[in-house]
Protein backbone atom coordinates (compact mmCIF):
# COMPACT_ATOMS: atom_id res chain seq x y z
CA UNK A 1 97.44 139.08 126.15
CA UNK A 2 96.71 135.67 128.08
CA UNK A 3 94.40 133.82 126.55
CA UNK A 4 92.13 130.66 128.32
CA UNK A 5 93.25 127.36 127.64
CA UNK A 6 92.32 124.66 128.58
CA UNK A 7 93.97 121.00 128.94
CA UNK A 8 93.53 117.54 130.67
CA UNK A 9 95.51 115.88 132.34
CA UNK A 10 93.49 112.98 132.37
CA UNK A 11 93.25 110.48 128.37
CA UNK A 12 70.83 132.20 125.90
CA UNK A 13 68.62 131.73 124.09
CA UNK A 14 68.75 132.69 119.89
CA UNK A 15 65.35 134.29 119.52
CA UNK A 16 63.72 136.15 116.92
CA UNK A 17 63.18 140.43 117.29
CA UNK A 18 61.04 141.29 119.63
CA UNK A 19 61.19 143.64 123.21
CA UNK A 20 59.56 141.61 126.04
CA UNK A 21 59.24 143.17 129.67
CA UNK A 22 59.43 140.52 133.07
CA UNK A 23 58.82 141.08 136.26
CA UNK A 24 60.34 145.10 135.36
CA UNK A 25 62.69 143.63 133.49
CA UNK A 26 63.93 144.83 129.45
CA UNK A 27 64.26 141.74 127.88
CA UNK A 28 66.07 142.97 124.25
CA UNK A 29 66.80 140.51 121.44
CA UNK A 30 70.87 141.27 120.14
CA UNK A 31 73.35 140.25 118.30
CA UNK A 32 77.20 140.13 117.88
CA UNK A 33 79.13 141.60 114.37
CA UNK A 34 79.43 136.94 113.75
CA UNK A 35 75.22 136.78 113.33
CA UNK A 36 74.85 134.65 117.45
CA UNK A 37 71.57 135.99 118.61
CA UNK A 38 70.59 135.83 121.99
CA UNK A 39 69.24 137.66 125.02
CA UNK A 40 69.97 140.57 127.38
CA UNK A 41 68.05 141.56 130.42
CA UNK A 42 68.47 145.24 132.25
CA UNK A 43 66.93 146.95 134.25
CA UNK A 44 66.50 150.18 131.51
CA UNK A 45 67.05 151.54 128.24
CA UNK A 46 69.46 154.31 129.85
CA UNK A 47 70.95 150.68 131.77
CA UNK A 48 71.37 148.81 128.45
CA UNK A 49 73.09 151.84 126.98
CA UNK A 50 75.00 152.47 130.37
CA UNK A 51 76.69 148.55 130.09
CA UNK A 52 77.33 148.74 126.83
CA UNK A 53 79.26 151.86 126.23
CA UNK A 54 81.69 150.26 129.40
CA UNK A 55 81.73 147.10 127.25
CA UNK A 56 79.98 144.58 129.84
CA UNK A 57 77.74 143.28 127.17
CA UNK A 58 79.34 140.52 125.07
CA UNK A 59 78.24 137.40 122.84
CA UNK A 60 77.89 134.41 125.21
CA UNK A 61 79.02 132.47 122.28
CA UNK A 62 82.74 134.52 121.15
CA UNK A 63 82.62 136.69 123.23
CA UNK A 64 82.28 140.12 120.72
CA UNK A 65 81.57 143.53 122.95
CA UNK A 66 80.66 144.63 119.08
CA UNK A 67 76.34 143.92 119.87
CA UNK A 68 73.60 145.28 117.85
CA UNK A 69 70.31 145.36 119.44
CA UNK A 70 67.89 143.89 116.67
CA UNK A 71 64.84 145.79 116.17
CA UNK A 72 61.87 145.27 118.76
CA UNK A 73 58.82 145.35 115.90
CA UNK A 74 57.94 141.54 116.15
CA UNK A 75 57.63 141.52 112.10
CA UNK A 76 58.87 143.89 109.98
CA UNK A 77 57.08 144.12 106.15
CA UNK A 78 60.54 145.44 104.08
CA UNK A 79 58.38 143.72 100.74
CA UNK A 80 61.18 142.17 98.39
CA UNK A 81 64.56 140.62 99.53
CA UNK A 82 67.10 142.49 98.92
CA UNK A 83 71.00 143.07 99.87
CA UNK A 84 71.55 144.39 103.73
CA UNK A 85 73.00 147.58 103.18
CA UNK A 86 76.78 148.09 104.39
CA UNK A 87 76.92 148.53 108.01
CA UNK A 88 73.20 147.01 108.59
CA UNK A 89 73.45 143.88 111.47
CA UNK A 90 74.32 140.57 109.91
CA UNK A 91 70.69 138.64 109.49
CA UNK A 92 69.73 136.02 111.61
CA UNK A 93 70.49 133.34 112.36
CA UNK A 94 69.20 130.20 110.38
CA UNK A 95 67.84 127.04 112.76
CA UNK A 96 70.27 125.73 112.36
CA UNK A 97 73.19 128.07 113.44
CA UNK A 98 71.01 128.32 116.12
CA UNK A 99 71.45 124.66 117.01
CA UNK A 100 75.04 124.83 116.83
CA UNK A 101 74.83 127.57 119.18
CA UNK A 102 73.52 125.42 121.39
CA UNK A 103 76.09 122.31 121.30
CA UNK A 104 78.96 124.68 121.78
CA UNK A 105 77.31 126.77 124.83
CA UNK A 106 76.29 122.76 126.31
CA UNK A 107 79.45 121.58 126.08
CA UNK A 108 81.41 124.78 127.17
CA UNK A 109 78.91 124.59 130.33
CA UNK A 110 80.52 120.75 131.00
CA UNK A 111 83.56 121.45 130.46
CA UNK A 112 83.35 124.26 133.26
CA UNK A 113 81.26 121.94 135.47
CA UNK A 114 83.74 119.08 134.57
CA UNK A 115 87.02 121.16 135.12
CA UNK A 116 89.26 123.21 138.13
CA UNK A 117 89.65 126.97 137.43
CA UNK A 118 93.30 127.28 138.86
CA UNK A 119 93.75 130.46 136.90
CA UNK A 120 96.83 132.14 135.81
CA UNK A 121 98.48 128.70 137.68
CA UNK A 122 97.22 126.23 134.82
CA UNK A 123 100.76 125.94 133.07
CA UNK A 124 102.27 125.27 136.55
CA UNK A 125 99.45 123.17 137.41
CA UNK A 126 99.15 121.53 134.44
CA UNK A 127 102.78 120.40 134.80
CA UNK A 128 102.58 119.14 138.18
CA UNK A 129 99.55 116.96 136.94
CA UNK A 130 101.13 115.50 134.01
CA UNK A 131 104.66 114.79 135.93
CA UNK A 132 102.47 112.79 138.65
CA UNK A 133 102.95 115.55 141.19
CA UNK A 134 99.43 115.64 142.26
CA UNK A 135 96.36 113.92 141.21
CA UNK A 136 95.43 113.83 137.65
CA UNK A 137 91.91 115.90 136.80
CA UNK A 138 90.79 117.97 134.27
CA UNK A 139 92.06 121.67 134.97
CA UNK A 140 91.58 124.84 132.87
CA UNK A 141 92.82 128.47 133.86
CA UNK A 142 94.88 131.18 130.99
CA UNK A 143 98.14 130.65 129.38
CA UNK A 144 100.20 133.45 127.32
CA UNK A 145 100.49 131.29 123.58
CA UNK A 146 104.05 130.62 124.91
CA UNK A 147 102.51 128.78 127.48
CA UNK A 148 100.93 126.64 125.39
CA UNK A 149 103.47 125.93 122.70
CA UNK A 150 106.20 124.31 125.78
CA UNK A 151 103.35 122.59 127.33
CA UNK A 152 102.42 120.72 124.23
CA UNK A 153 106.31 120.47 123.43
CA UNK A 154 106.86 118.46 126.64
CA UNK A 155 103.65 116.50 126.11
CA UNK A 156 101.09 117.74 127.78
CA UNK A 157 97.73 117.36 125.99
CA UNK A 158 96.30 121.60 126.09
CA UNK A 159 93.21 123.18 124.31
CA UNK A 160 92.57 126.69 123.53
CA UNK A 161 89.10 126.91 123.91
CA UNK A 162 87.56 130.95 123.95
CA UNK A 163 85.21 130.95 126.74
CA UNK A 164 83.30 134.53 127.41
CA UNK A 165 83.47 135.87 130.94
CA UNK A 166 79.67 134.99 130.82
CA UNK A 167 80.07 131.32 130.79
CA UNK A 168 82.06 131.73 134.20
CA UNK A 169 78.60 132.28 136.29
CA UNK A 170 75.21 130.40 135.57
CA UNK A 171 73.42 132.22 132.54
CA UNK A 172 69.52 132.73 132.00
């Protein structure tokens, strides 16, 4: 499977549990298996279920498709703290984790705005830039692990970054 990579040829809003309605949309608070919290906007409960079944709902931070819907109650009165049950969703992210996630998202959006997507031509275009065949510029695209290693061996700076597909378009 090809990985997305980034070569430099030149030197969601996490929230608490809840469900709100906005102009006919259901806004669900979701969380991936790694504990990243984010919102999902759906036309209906059936729309949410359908998108989950088809693998269309993914974490905007890590691209995981193992998503849990957080409880819709504004506050859960659970009494004394206890260990989570096996298979229970991870605990909500701490403010520090949400801050790091927000910084990561901002950094990835900056990368997307400042680089050209060359898609499957990534290795070829990185070489053309490196050898002076085309003007220097920042590019991003898809490359296999072998392609990325080959580029590094040629002295071409390549960074592999996980870029969820959701970052390709505007985020809400």
